[in-house]
Amino acid sequence: METVTALRARRILTLADAQPATRRSELLAPLAVLDNAVILSKNGLILAVEPYARCKRRTGCTIADAGDVTLVPGLINAHSHVELAALKGRTRLGQGFAVWVQSLLALKQALEDKGAAMADAAEEMSACGVVHVGDINSEAPVASTGAFFRAGVSVSIFRECFGFRTVHTPDELRVVQLQDTPKALRPQCALCGHALFSTHPHTMQLARQDCEARGKIFTLHLAEHDEELHCLLDGTGTLSDILHERGILPLGYRPPGRRPVHYAHELGLLGKNTLAVHCVHCNAEEAGLLAATGTAVCLCPRSNAAIGVGAAAPMDLFMDRGVLLCLGTDSPASNSDLNLWNEARTLRDAHQLPPQALVRLMTVNAAHALRRPELGRLTPGCRAAWAVLPEDFMLQ
């Protein structure tokens, strides 16, 4: 039986009463800080967060000291592809999405042992305070899950549906997608779609139906790059050519003639259990549609910049319309590192956001987007998992 442990810090930002923030005013609202406080935990769960003066009067409780730091809830990286970790620094960046995709596909075919790279990626996330990851996985669920487990990071596994193969029922889709996944892991897996240009629309619908029936989050890449717009609107562009050449788009494929967000809405893919990733190419109407349907959006600004998918996601529009936002690093093949604080710094510098807004994106907002109520706050009953606030994120 584990004993009670206690950790003191100069400051603790609990977010105990914080609700998921969508509007700009909610994101910018100040957060209460406990000075000279202690986190008490047992069996991996928080028992209390209280002033040091009260805790030191407790009997049978040894207090460790984190020093002159500010503790915040453990960070949540809402979108990654750790199975691509071995491609870090090897893909062609800054030349547009289609060029990056071509280099990625060519390199993936030559990959063999990816385990060490995945382990390093998981450790890198853990070292910067990430305690949970929403990880997209198409080929290596066992290896990636093991890498996160050894790094002390929990994971939401999204098994990615790709291609235009016809399936008819959610059960049939689960059999196809999870046949290489051990039975013990399958209940933890949520089916997800890759993108509207690469996954059959009916497959997308079945995957989301399965997620809704099982209380899982459905996720997809949405409105990431201008090539996606061309592919869906009129079937033109380099990306369409690549998809046809590789047989991903079938003969006779007809583009829907819709912009990504509207097409996703018509297919019934948006909603309160959907996490749309990127959403770079969204206008004001589409931001309003995401907000009205309760769809959460994961921003990956450094990946977007590295690949060169166009202007950054319209965060000001999202905040004005009331879209729930969170942050992800995306793939090691499209980012320089997996430090979520660096993702936050990019948004801070681009949008002059104060630290409290950025902390909300990486904690309580992300926990809500991934349906992980045990995370995102430092309060009794939540998981005893925290991160150290960097010095350049001094609270306002």
Foldseek 3Di string as FASTA:
>chain_A
DWDKEKEWEQKEQFCPPQAQFFAPCSLQDFGDIDGGWMFIDTPQFTAFIGHPVVVVPDPPYDYHYPYHFYWYFFFEFEEAALLCQVLFPPAQWDPAQLRRVVRSVVVVVVDDDSLVSLLVQLLQQVVQRHAEYEYEDADPPPSNCVSNVVNNHYYQYEHEAWFEDDDDALVRLLCVRCVVPPPVCSLSYQYEYEAPLTHHLVSRLRSQVVCVVSVFAYEYAFLAAVQLQCCQQANDDSVSVVCVVVCRQPPPDGHPNDHGLVVCVVSVNAAQRYEYEFQQPDDLVSLLVNQVRNYAYEHQQQLSNTRVRDDHRPVVSRNNNRHLYAYHNYYSNRHNGGNVVVSLVVCCVVPVRALSSNLSRGWNSSCSNRVNVLTRGSGGPHGPGIGTDDPVRDGD
